[in-house]
Amino acid sequence: MYKCKKCGNNVPEGNKFCGVCGTKVEDNRENQRIIIEDYDDFEKRGKSFNQKNSKPKLWLILGIALALIAIFIIIKVKNSDSNPMVKTISISDFIEEPIFEGNDEEGTLDQDSLKINRDMLEDKLREKLGEDKDINVSEIIDNFTLSADPIEKLTNGDTVTVMVEMRNKENIQDHLGIRFTNPSREFKVIGLKDLFSLDPFDGFKPKFTGISPKLEIKITNTKLKVGSKLEQALGSASGYYDVYRDGKLLNEDEDVKIGDKITFKFNQDGIDRLHENAYKPSVLEKEYKVTNKDARAYILSKEELDTDFFNKIKDQAQSIVKSDLASRNNSDNPNYEGFYFLMPKESGWSSSGLFENYNIPVMYLVYSYNVEKSDETVKEYTAVEVIKFLEDKIEDNSLEDEETDENETDEKEKIKSEVSSNDQKPEQIIDYENIKKVYGSYKTLDELKLDLVESKLKDYSYEAYDGVK
């Protein structure tokens, strides 16, 4: 037999572990002496002791196996949480109910509310440790940290798991002789505010100032009436809608023209504003095409000019030139030579120029007439300048949205549909004060063109029609 160095127990020959403490003893054989409990019996047997059958006995093999099983069970039970001799604390019992904030479907967990009930846990630790144990339990609790998942986009009824982690867990557990179990706990999300759906574009209608292609947008909403749900939620339309064109945010200094497709997007400030009032937007954007119902527009080419409208301009220009000649005692009838159409270049629209701080389309109608000088008759040229010739805004005859009963609303929608289906064409207009004779006269067409057209080519491009070049 061998004697275990650790606990002093006698270990039968062939055993590799002490049956009491489990210490491995195989490597210590050379330094141990054989102990025979009954020496007299050994003497009686004499040499027959060493002559025994060397074949292992069944009982010896069975004993070794049982000893190993016993050692395994002792180790397992010693470290098992179910062992009544091991002190355990279920930490999940001390996790406090977290606080959930915000609106249903968009709620968040207040992470400052993730806490352990310190008073209850301190009492439990003292109970397990005993009053004689001189340990600062408050410092032990400081090693616990809490986290949760998920923490945002929460809906009432969702499950949130709160987890506890412990710094220096193994050292603290060994020192205290206590195992901390069940480090997580599930909670149902409750208390988030119900949100009511609201269309932020109900009654939405942008207004345009200026003349296309130099339009500016003003956001309005016919439903923002005092006491209405939308008015209570938003207060005003200002700041809650962002304007995009072709997928890009429209800057304040950018212009809009008829034909542009504009997207109005309800922004995060607007969403937050609705949420504060227990509403959520049912839609977030609306596309709007700018038409002649929104604003007047400059006529941008000769092809856009209606024949009747242009003939009225020509008649007025002819009368102006003839009147000027009469004032100079010249009875000759002016002869129409053609006209130049000047269109602002892209850079020209933003330049300081003829009207409202930017250049606009211009027409010069050219006329020739005879002048008697000494004994000869000479031909001279003059021009009439025409500016601000426009396509007028088409009046929108659709009915404004008002608080009405269901039948009246259906009737109004029907009328709106009928009106919008009509293919209305804008009227072309001009204030005749904007048709004026150019000061002075020219001896040749080249002189006239150089002065009135080519001098403006930095900001304009031009086309010549009806005979002039």
Protein backbone atom coordinates (compact mmCIF):
# COMPACT_ATOMS: atom_id res chain seq x y z
CA MET A 1 0.00 0.00 0.00
CA TYR A 2 0.88 3.63 -0.42
CA LYS A 3 0.19 6.52 1.92
CA CYS A 4 -1.34 9.64 0.38
CA LYS A 5 0.93 12.60 1.01
CA LYS A 6 -1.98 15.00 1.14
CA CYS A 7 -4.46 13.36 3.50
CA GLY A 8 -2.52 10.34 4.88
CA ASN A 9 -5.02 7.77 3.65
CA ASN A 10 -3.77 4.28 2.75
CA VAL A 11 -4.04 3.70 -0.97
CA PRO A 12 -4.10 0.09 -2.27
CA GLU A 13 -1.35 -0.90 -4.67
CA GLY A 14 -2.32 -0.23 -8.28
CA ASN A 15 -4.57 2.76 -7.50
CA LYS A 16 -3.55 5.98 -9.23
CA PHE A 17 -5.70 8.28 -7.09
CA CYS A 18 -6.46 8.59 -3.41
CA GLY A 19 -9.99 7.34 -2.74
CA VAL A 20 -10.59 10.16 -0.21
CA CYS A 21 -9.09 13.36 -1.62
CA GLY A 22 -8.49 12.30 -5.24
CA THR A 23 -4.78 13.16 -5.22
CA LYS A 24 -2.71 11.37 -7.82
CA VAL A 25 -0.21 9.06 -6.04
CA GLU A 26 1.38 7.04 -8.84
CA ASP A 27 4.44 9.29 -9.13
CA ASN A 28 5.23 9.03 -5.42
CA ARG A 29 5.68 5.23 -5.15
CA GLU A 30 9.46 5.24 -4.90
CA ASN A 31 9.46 7.47 -1.83
CA GLN A 32 6.82 5.52 0.08
CA ARG A 33 7.23 2.43 2.16
CA ILE A 34 4.89 -0.52 2.10
CA ILE A 35 2.61 -0.72 5.09
CA ILE A 36 1.29 -4.11 6.15
CA GLU A 37 -1.50 -3.91 8.63
CA ASP A 38 -0.98 -7.46 9.98
CA TYR A 39 2.77 -8.16 10.13
CA ASP A 40 2.32 -11.39 12.05
CA ASP A 41 0.14 -12.75 9.33
CA PHE A 42 2.88 -11.90 6.86
CA GLU A 43 5.40 -13.87 8.94
CA LYS A 44 3.12 -16.87 9.08
CA ARG A 45 2.69 -16.92 5.38
CA GLY A 46 6.39 -16.52 4.70
CA LYS A 47 7.48 -16.81 1.20
CA SER A 48 4.02 -17.74 0.11
CA PHE A 49 3.14 -13.97 0.15
CA ASN A 50 5.37 -13.32 -2.81
CA GLN A 51 4.34 -16.50 -4.53
CA LYS A 52 0.69 -15.60 -4.81
CA ASN A 53 -0.92 -15.72 -8.19
CA SER A 54 0.02 -12.42 -9.92
CA LYS A 55 -3.21 -12.43 -11.80
CA PRO A 56 -5.41 -9.41 -10.72
CA LYS A 57 -8.34 -10.35 -8.58
CA LEU A 58 -11.84 -9.41 -9.72
CA TRP A 59 -12.59 -7.73 -6.42
CA LEU A 60 -9.51 -5.53 -6.80
CA ILE A 61 -10.54 -4.33 -10.26
CA LEU A 62 -14.05 -3.69 -9.05
CA GLY A 63 -12.77 -1.76 -6.05
CA ILE A 64 -10.64 0.50 -8.19
CA ALA A 65 -13.54 1.21 -10.52
CA LEU A 66 -15.83 2.05 -7.63
CA ALA A 67 -13.21 4.31 -6.10
CA LEU A 68 -12.82 6.25 -9.35
CA ILE A 69 -16.60 6.60 -9.69
CA ALA A 70 -16.78 7.85 -6.12
CA ILE A 71 -14.09 10.43 -6.77
CA PHE A 72 -15.91 11.65 -9.91
CA ILE A 73 -19.21 11.95 -8.03
CA ILE A 74 -17.58 13.85 -5.15
CA ILE A 75 -15.99 16.38 -7.53
CA LYS A 76 -19.20 16.76 -9.53
CA VAL A 77 -21.40 17.28 -6.49
CA LYS A 78 -18.91 19.63 -4.91
CA ASN A 79 -19.08 21.94 -7.91
CA SER A 80 -22.76 21.51 -8.74
CA ASP A 81 -25.26 24.35 -8.23
CA SER A 82 -27.79 21.73 -7.15
CA ASN A 83 -25.60 20.64 -4.30
CA PRO A 84 -27.37 21.75 -1.12
CA MET A 85 -23.96 22.29 0.44
CA VAL A 86 -23.05 24.94 -2.21
CA LYS A 87 -24.39 28.46 -1.52
CA THR A 88 -26.07 30.04 -4.57
CA ILE A 89 -27.85 33.31 -5.31
CA SER A 90 -30.14 33.69 -8.34
CA ILE A 91 -29.13 37.15 -9.49
CA SER A 92 -32.16 37.49 -11.81
CA ASP A 93 -34.38 37.79 -8.72
CA PHE A 94 -32.86 41.19 -8.02
CA ILE A 95 -33.09 42.78 -11.52
CA GLU A 96 -35.54 45.67 -11.37
CA GLU A 97 -38.27 46.30 -13.96
CA PRO A 98 -36.85 48.55 -16.71
CA ILE A 99 -38.64 51.67 -17.96
CA PHE A 100 -39.86 51.91 -21.56
CA GLU A 101 -40.38 55.30 -23.21
CA GLY A 102 -41.83 56.76 -26.39
CA ASN A 103 -44.48 55.57 -28.78
CA ASP A 104 -45.69 52.13 -29.74
CA GLU A 105 -43.57 50.57 -32.53
CA GLU A 106 -40.86 53.17 -31.95
CA GLY A 107 -40.23 52.85 -28.24
CA THR A 108 -36.89 52.80 -26.45
CA LEU A 109 -35.59 51.33 -23.23
CA ASP A 110 -34.31 53.86 -20.69
CA GLN A 111 -30.86 52.43 -20.04
CA ASP A 112 -30.55 54.42 -16.83
CA SER A 113 -33.38 52.26 -15.50
CA LEU A 114 -31.29 49.06 -15.76
CA LYS A 115 -30.65 48.44 -12.07
CA ILE A 116 -30.22 45.76 -9.42
CA ASN A 117 -32.18 46.12 -6.18
CA ARG A 118 -29.16 46.74 -4.00
CA ASP A 119 -30.95 46.63 -0.65
CA MET A 120 -32.48 43.22 -1.30
CA LEU A 121 -29.24 41.80 -2.72
CA GLU A 122 -27.21 43.09 0.22
CA ASP A 123 -29.61 41.40 2.63
CA LYS A 124 -29.33 38.15 0.67
CA LEU A 125 -25.53 38.27 0.65
CA ARG A 126 -25.37 38.84 4.40
CA GLU A 127 -27.81 35.96 4.92
CA LYS A 128 -25.61 33.61 2.89
CA LEU A 129 -22.32 34.82 4.35
CA GLY A 130 -23.43 35.01 7.95
CA GLU A 131 -23.03 37.92 10.30
CA ASP A 132 -19.49 36.91 11.25
CA LYS A 133 -18.18 37.29 7.72
CA ASP A 134 -16.39 40.65 7.53
CA ILE A 135 -17.02 41.53 3.84
CA ASN A 136 -18.21 44.81 2.29
CA VAL A 137 -21.20 43.51 0.29
CA SER A 138 -21.80 46.91 -1.31
CA GLU A 139 -18.41 46.68 -3.04
CA ILE A 140 -19.31 43.21 -4.24
CA ILE A 141 -22.50 44.52 -5.87
CA ASP A 142 -20.52 47.29 -7.61
CA ASN A 143 -18.98 44.59 -9.80
CA PHE A 144 -22.33 43.87 -11.50
CA THR A 145 -23.10 45.57 -14.86
CA LEU A 146 -26.38 45.36 -16.77
CA SER A 147 -27.29 45.47 -20.46
CA ALA A 148 -30.41 44.74 -22.49
CA ASP A 149 -31.46 43.64 -25.95
CA PRO A 150 -33.29 45.02 -27.90
CA ILE A 151 -33.36 48.62 -26.68
CA GLU A 152 -35.07 50.51 -29.54
CA LYS A 153 -37.90 50.28 -32.07
CA LEU A 154 -39.97 48.58 -29.42
CA THR A 155 -43.65 47.69 -29.54
CA ASN A 156 -45.93 46.98 -26.61
CA GLY A 157 -45.77 43.22 -25.95
CA ASP A 158 -42.20 42.76 -27.20
CA THR A 159 -39.79 40.75 -25.05
CA VAL A 160 -36.61 42.42 -23.82
CA THR A 161 -33.84 40.43 -22.14
CA VAL A 162 -31.87 42.13 -19.36
CA MET A 163 -28.45 40.53 -18.79
CA VAL A 164 -26.09 40.78 -15.81
CA GLU A 165 -22.34 40.46 -16.07
CA MET A 166 -19.91 40.36 -13.16
CA ARG A 167 -16.35 41.59 -13.17
CA ASN A 168 -13.81 39.25 -11.47
CA LYS A 169 -16.59 36.68 -11.18
CA GLU A 170 -14.43 33.60 -10.48
CA ASN A 171 -12.29 35.32 -7.86
CA ILE A 172 -15.30 36.79 -6.06
CA GLN A 173 -17.20 33.49 -6.08
CA ASP A 174 -14.17 31.58 -4.74
CA HIS A 175 -13.60 34.21 -2.08
CA LEU A 176 -17.21 34.29 -0.93
CA GLY A 177 -17.97 30.62 -1.42
CA ILE A 178 -21.14 31.69 -3.28
CA ARG A 179 -22.15 30.99 -6.87
CA PHE A 180 -24.27 33.57 -8.75
CA THR A 181 -26.76 31.90 -11.09
CA ASN A 182 -29.45 32.90 -13.63
CA PRO A 183 -27.72 36.04 -15.00
CA SER A 184 -30.64 37.17 -17.22
CA ARG A 185 -34.33 37.97 -17.02
CA GLU A 186 -37.01 38.68 -19.63
CA PHE A 187 -39.48 41.57 -19.47
CA LYS A 188 -42.54 42.44 -21.55
CA VAL A 189 -42.60 45.91 -23.09
CA ILE A 190 -45.47 47.93 -21.66
CA GLY A 191 -46.52 51.56 -21.33
CA LEU A 192 -45.61 52.87 -24.80
CA LYS A 193 -48.05 55.47 -26.11
CA ASP A 194 -50.46 54.50 -28.85
CA LEU A 195 -49.93 56.47 -32.06
CA PHE A 196 -52.71 57.62 -34.36
CA SER A 197 -52.08 57.80 -38.09
CA LEU A 198 -52.18 61.22 -39.75
CA ASP A 199 -51.50 62.27 -43.34
CA PRO A 200 -49.21 65.32 -43.20
CA PHE A 201 -50.00 66.03 -46.86
CA ASP A 202 -53.75 66.23 -46.34
CA GLY A 203 -54.55 69.72 -47.61
CA PHE A 204 -50.93 70.25 -48.64
CA LYS A 205 -50.52 72.66 -51.56
CA PRO A 206 -47.30 74.44 -52.50
CA LYS A 207 -47.53 78.00 -53.81
CA PHE A 208 -45.14 79.52 -56.30
CA THR A 209 -43.99 83.10 -56.58
CA GLY A 210 -42.21 84.69 -59.52
CA ILE A 211 -42.32 83.75 -63.19
CA SER A 212 -41.10 80.43 -64.58
CA PRO A 213 -38.24 79.54 -64.86
CA LYS A 214 -37.52 81.83 -61.88
CA LEU A 215 -40.03 80.38 -59.42
CA GLU A 216 -39.72 80.14 -55.67
CA ILE A 217 -41.72 77.70 -53.56
CA LYS A 218 -43.78 78.51 -50.50
CA ILE A 219 -45.24 75.62 -48.51
CA THR A 220 -48.90 75.96 -47.52
CA ASN A 221 -51.58 73.65 -46.20
CA THR A 222 -55.29 74.34 -46.34
CA LYS A 223 -55.90 71.97 -43.41
CA LEU A 224 -53.75 73.94 -41.00
CA LYS A 225 -56.80 75.61 -39.51
CA VAL A 226 -57.06 76.59 -35.88
CA GLY A 227 -58.30 73.62 -33.89
CA SER A 228 -57.76 71.02 -36.62
CA LYS A 229 -55.80 67.85 -35.85
CA LEU A 230 -53.04 68.83 -38.24
CA GLU A 231 -52.81 72.34 -36.80
CA GLN A 232 -52.67 70.94 -33.27
CA ALA A 233 -49.94 68.51 -34.30
CA LEU A 234 -47.77 70.76 -36.47
CA GLY A 235 -48.80 74.34 -35.76
CA SER A 236 -47.46 75.44 -39.15
CA ALA A 237 -46.03 73.99 -42.34
CA SER A 238 -42.74 75.80 -41.95
CA GLY A 239 -39.66 73.65 -41.49
CA TYR A 240 -41.35 70.25 -41.72
CA TYR A 241 -41.07 69.64 -45.47
CA ASP A 242 -37.85 69.27 -47.46
CA VAL A 243 -37.95 69.91 -51.21
CA TYR A 244 -36.14 67.65 -53.71
CA ARG A 245 -35.71 67.79 -57.47
CA ASP A 246 -34.28 64.83 -59.37
CA GLY A 247 -33.38 63.19 -56.06
CA LYS A 248 -31.32 66.17 -54.85
CA LEU A 249 -32.22 68.56 -52.06
CA LEU A 250 -33.29 71.87 -53.57
CA ASN A 251 -31.24 74.77 -52.23
CA GLU A 252 -32.90 78.04 -51.27
CA ASP A 253 -31.12 79.91 -54.10
CA GLU A 254 -32.20 77.43 -56.79
CA ASP A 255 -35.09 78.25 -59.11
CA VAL A 256 -37.98 76.09 -60.25
CA LYS A 257 -39.72 76.09 -63.62
CA ILE A 258 -42.96 74.80 -65.05
CA GLY A 259 -42.56 71.13 -65.94
CA ASP A 260 -40.27 70.31 -63.01
CA LYS A 261 -41.18 67.30 -60.89
CA ILE A 262 -40.72 68.20 -57.26
CA THR A 263 -40.75 65.76 -54.34
CA PHE A 264 -41.79 67.07 -50.95
CA LYS A 265 -40.52 64.91 -48.09
CA PHE A 266 -41.82 65.10 -44.55
CA ASN A 267 -38.63 65.43 -42.52
CA GLN A 268 -37.50 64.13 -39.12
CA ASP A 269 -38.42 67.37 -37.37
CA GLY A 270 -41.96 66.93 -38.64
CA ILE A 271 -42.05 63.26 -37.60
CA ASP A 272 -40.84 64.17 -34.11
CA ARG A 273 -43.39 66.95 -33.91
CA LEU A 274 -46.22 64.55 -34.75
CA HIS A 275 -44.92 62.01 -32.25
CA GLU A 276 -44.98 64.59 -29.50
CA ASN A 277 -48.70 64.86 -30.15
CA ALA A 278 -49.32 61.07 -30.37
CA TYR A 279 -49.49 60.97 -34.16
CA LYS A 280 -47.41 59.22 -36.78
CA PRO A 281 -47.26 60.16 -40.49
CA SER A 282 -49.09 57.74 -42.78
CA VAL A 283 -47.00 58.92 -45.76
CA LEU A 284 -43.59 60.55 -45.87
CA GLU A 285 -43.40 62.10 -49.33
CA LYS A 286 -45.49 63.51 -52.14
CA GLU A 287 -44.53 64.19 -55.76
CA TYR A 288 -45.76 67.36 -57.41
CA LYS A 289 -45.44 68.47 -61.03
CA VAL A 290 -45.32 72.22 -61.58
CA THR A 291 -47.88 73.27 -64.21
CA ASN A 292 -49.36 76.43 -65.69
CA LYS A 293 -51.92 76.31 -62.92
CA ASP A 294 -49.16 77.18 -60.47
CA ALA A 295 -47.59 80.26 -62.03
CA ARG A 296 -47.02 82.37 -65.12
CA ALA A 297 -44.13 81.56 -67.43
CA TYR A 298 -41.88 83.41 -69.82
CA ILE A 299 -42.22 82.44 -73.49
CA LEU A 300 -38.81 80.98 -74.19
CA SER A 301 -38.72 80.61 -77.98
CA LYS A 302 -40.32 81.79 -81.19
CA GLU A 303 -41.94 78.35 -81.55
CA GLU A 304 -43.92 78.95 -78.35
CA LEU A 305 -45.47 82.14 -79.70
CA ASP A 306 -49.08 81.85 -80.80
CA THR A 307 -49.55 83.37 -84.25
CA ASP A 308 -52.42 85.63 -83.20
CA PHE A 309 -50.51 86.82 -80.15
CA PHE A 310 -47.40 87.62 -82.21
CA ASN A 311 -49.48 89.47 -84.83
CA LYS A 312 -50.89 91.69 -82.08
CA ILE A 313 -47.35 92.52 -80.99
CA LYS A 314 -46.37 93.32 -84.59
CA ASP A 315 -49.39 95.58 -85.04
CA GLN A 316 -48.53 97.45 -81.86
CA ALA A 317 -44.86 97.80 -82.89
CA GLN A 318 -45.86 99.06 -86.36
CA SER A 319 -48.07 101.70 -84.79
CA ILE A 320 -45.28 102.82 -82.44
CA VAL A 321 -42.78 103.29 -85.29
CA LYS A 322 -45.33 105.06 -87.49
CA SER A 323 -46.25 107.39 -84.64
CA ASP A 324 -42.57 108.18 -84.08
CA LEU A 325 -42.10 109.01 -87.76
CA ALA A 326 -45.16 111.25 -87.72
CA SER A 327 -43.75 113.13 -84.76
CA ARG A 328 -40.74 113.89 -86.99
CA ASN A 329 -42.89 114.98 -89.94
CA ASN A 330 -42.12 111.78 -91.85
CA SER A 331 -45.18 110.34 -93.51
CA ASP A 332 -43.47 107.21 -94.81
CA ASN A 333 -44.97 103.86 -93.81
CA PRO A 334 -42.41 101.68 -91.90
CA ASN A 335 -41.52 98.36 -93.48
CA TYR A 336 -41.23 95.24 -91.27
CA GLU A 337 -37.84 93.54 -91.87
CA GLY A 338 -37.98 90.67 -89.32
CA PHE A 339 -37.09 90.14 -85.68
CA TYR A 340 -34.44 88.85 -83.33
CA PHE A 341 -35.37 86.56 -80.38
CA LEU A 342 -32.87 86.75 -77.51
CA MET A 343 -32.94 83.95 -74.93
CA PRO A 344 -30.90 84.17 -71.69
CA LYS A 345 -28.13 81.63 -71.34
CA GLU A 346 -28.15 79.50 -68.22
CA SER A 347 -25.67 81.85 -66.60
CA GLY A 348 -27.63 84.82 -67.93
CA TRP A 349 -30.71 84.01 -65.87
CA SER A 350 -28.79 84.73 -62.68
CA SER A 351 -27.16 87.91 -63.94
CA SER A 352 -28.24 91.39 -63.03
CA GLY A 353 -30.18 92.64 -66.00
CA LEU A 354 -33.32 94.11 -67.40
CA PHE A 355 -36.00 93.05 -64.98
CA GLU A 356 -36.19 91.87 -61.37
CA ASN A 357 -32.39 91.52 -61.15
CA TYR A 358 -32.07 88.88 -63.84
CA ASN A 359 -32.15 88.79 -67.62
CA ILE A 360 -35.36 87.81 -69.39
CA PRO A 361 -36.27 86.95 -73.00
CA VAL A 362 -36.26 89.92 -75.39
CA MET A 363 -37.56 90.44 -78.94
CA TYR A 364 -36.38 93.18 -81.29
CA LEU A 365 -38.76 93.80 -84.19
CA VAL A 366 -36.81 95.56 -86.97
CA TYR A 367 -38.33 98.19 -89.28
CA SER A 368 -36.95 100.26 -92.16
CA TYR A 369 -38.23 103.58 -93.49
CA ASN A 370 -37.17 106.31 -95.96
CA VAL A 371 -35.81 109.66 -94.93
CA GLU A 372 -35.52 112.66 -97.27
CA LYS A 373 -32.13 114.30 -96.96
CA SER A 374 -31.12 117.20 -99.26
CA ASP A 375 -31.71 115.97 -102.75
CA GLU A 376 -31.73 112.24 -101.93
CA THR A 377 -33.78 109.64 -100.13
CA VAL A 378 -31.93 107.30 -97.72
CA LYS A 379 -33.08 104.19 -95.85
CA GLU A 380 -32.72 104.00 -92.12
CA TYR A 381 -33.48 101.27 -89.58
CA THR A 382 -34.99 101.20 -86.15
CA ALA A 383 -36.32 98.54 -83.77
CA VAL A 384 -39.03 98.00 -81.21
CA GLU A 385 -38.05 96.18 -78.01
CA VAL A 386 -40.56 93.72 -76.53
CA ILE A 387 -40.06 92.29 -73.01
CA LYS A 388 -42.08 90.32 -70.48
CA PHE A 389 -44.27 88.45 -72.95
CA LEU A 390 -45.77 85.61 -70.94
CA GLU A 391 -48.06 82.64 -70.73
CA ASP A 392 -50.59 83.47 -68.05
CA LYS A 393 -51.41 81.27 -65.07
CA ILE A 394 -54.42 79.02 -65.65
CA GLU A 395 -56.98 79.66 -62.95
CA ASP A 396 -57.57 76.60 -60.83
CA ASN A 397 -61.31 76.27 -60.60
CA SER A 398 -61.20 73.25 -58.31
CA LEU A 399 -62.87 73.79 -54.96
CA GLU A 400 -60.85 74.39 -51.82
CA ASP A 401 -60.89 71.70 -49.16
CA GLU A 402 -63.31 72.52 -46.39
CA GLU A 403 -64.98 70.79 -43.48
CA THR A 404 -67.94 69.11 -45.19
CA ASP A 405 -70.06 66.06 -44.78
CA GLU A 406 -69.25 62.90 -46.73
CA ASN A 407 -71.75 63.51 -49.56
CA GLU A 408 -70.49 67.04 -50.18
CA THR A 409 -66.91 65.79 -50.22
CA ASP A 410 -67.71 63.17 -52.86
CA GLU A 411 -69.40 65.80 -55.03
CA LYS A 412 -66.43 68.15 -54.77
CA GLU A 413 -64.00 65.39 -55.69
CA LYS A 414 -66.12 64.67 -58.78
CA ILE A 415 -66.02 68.34 -59.81
CA LYS A 416 -62.27 68.49 -59.25
CA SER A 417 -61.77 65.46 -61.45
CA GLU A 418 -63.84 66.97 -64.25
CA VAL A 419 -61.99 70.29 -64.08
CA SER A 420 -58.53 68.72 -63.99
CA SER A 421 -59.34 66.53 -66.99
CA ASN A 422 -59.89 69.54 -69.22
CA ASP A 423 -56.87 70.28 -71.40
CA GLN A 424 -56.61 73.98 -70.72
CA LYS A 425 -54.10 76.09 -72.61
CA PRO A 426 -52.63 79.18 -70.97
CA GLU A 427 -53.34 82.55 -72.52
CA GLN A 428 -50.36 84.50 -73.84
CA ILE A 429 -50.28 88.04 -72.51
CA ILE A 430 -48.21 91.21 -72.54
CA ASP A 431 -48.50 94.58 -70.94
CA TYR A 432 -48.31 96.98 -73.90
CA GLU A 433 -46.17 99.30 -71.82
CA ASN A 434 -43.44 96.68 -72.38
CA ILE A 435 -43.44 97.31 -76.16
CA LYS A 436 -41.21 100.32 -76.72
CA LYS A 437 -39.25 101.86 -79.60
CA VAL A 438 -35.49 101.69 -79.29
CA TYR A 439 -33.93 105.16 -79.04
CA GLY A 440 -32.26 106.42 -82.22
CA SER A 441 -31.88 105.00 -85.72
CA TYR A 442 -29.26 103.04 -87.66
CA LYS A 443 -27.86 103.48 -91.16
CA THR A 444 -27.46 99.71 -91.71
CA LEU A 445 -28.81 96.46 -90.31
CA ASP A 446 -25.30 95.51 -89.24
CA GLU A 447 -25.10 98.58 -87.01
CA LEU A 448 -28.47 97.73 -85.47
CA LYS A 449 -27.52 94.09 -84.87
CA LEU A 450 -24.16 95.02 -83.35
CA ASP A 451 -25.77 97.43 -80.89
CA LEU A 452 -28.89 95.51 -79.91
CA VAL A 453 -27.90 91.84 -80.28
CA GLU A 454 -24.19 91.11 -80.45
CA SER A 455 -23.40 93.39 -77.51
CA LYS A 456 -25.52 91.08 -75.30
CA LEU A 457 -24.05 87.73 -76.32
CA LYS A 458 -22.31 87.32 -72.97
CA ASP A 459 -25.67 86.62 -71.35
CA TYR A 460 -27.84 85.75 -74.35
CA SER A 461 -28.10 83.49 -77.34
CA TYR A 462 -30.28 84.58 -80.27
CA GLU A 463 -32.18 83.54 -83.39
CA ALA A 464 -33.07 85.75 -86.41
CA TYR A 465 -36.42 85.41 -88.19
CA ASP A 466 -38.40 86.73 -91.17
CA GLY A 467 -35.55 88.22 -93.19
CA VAL A 468 -33.03 89.62 -90.74
CA LYS A 469 -29.73 87.77 -90.28
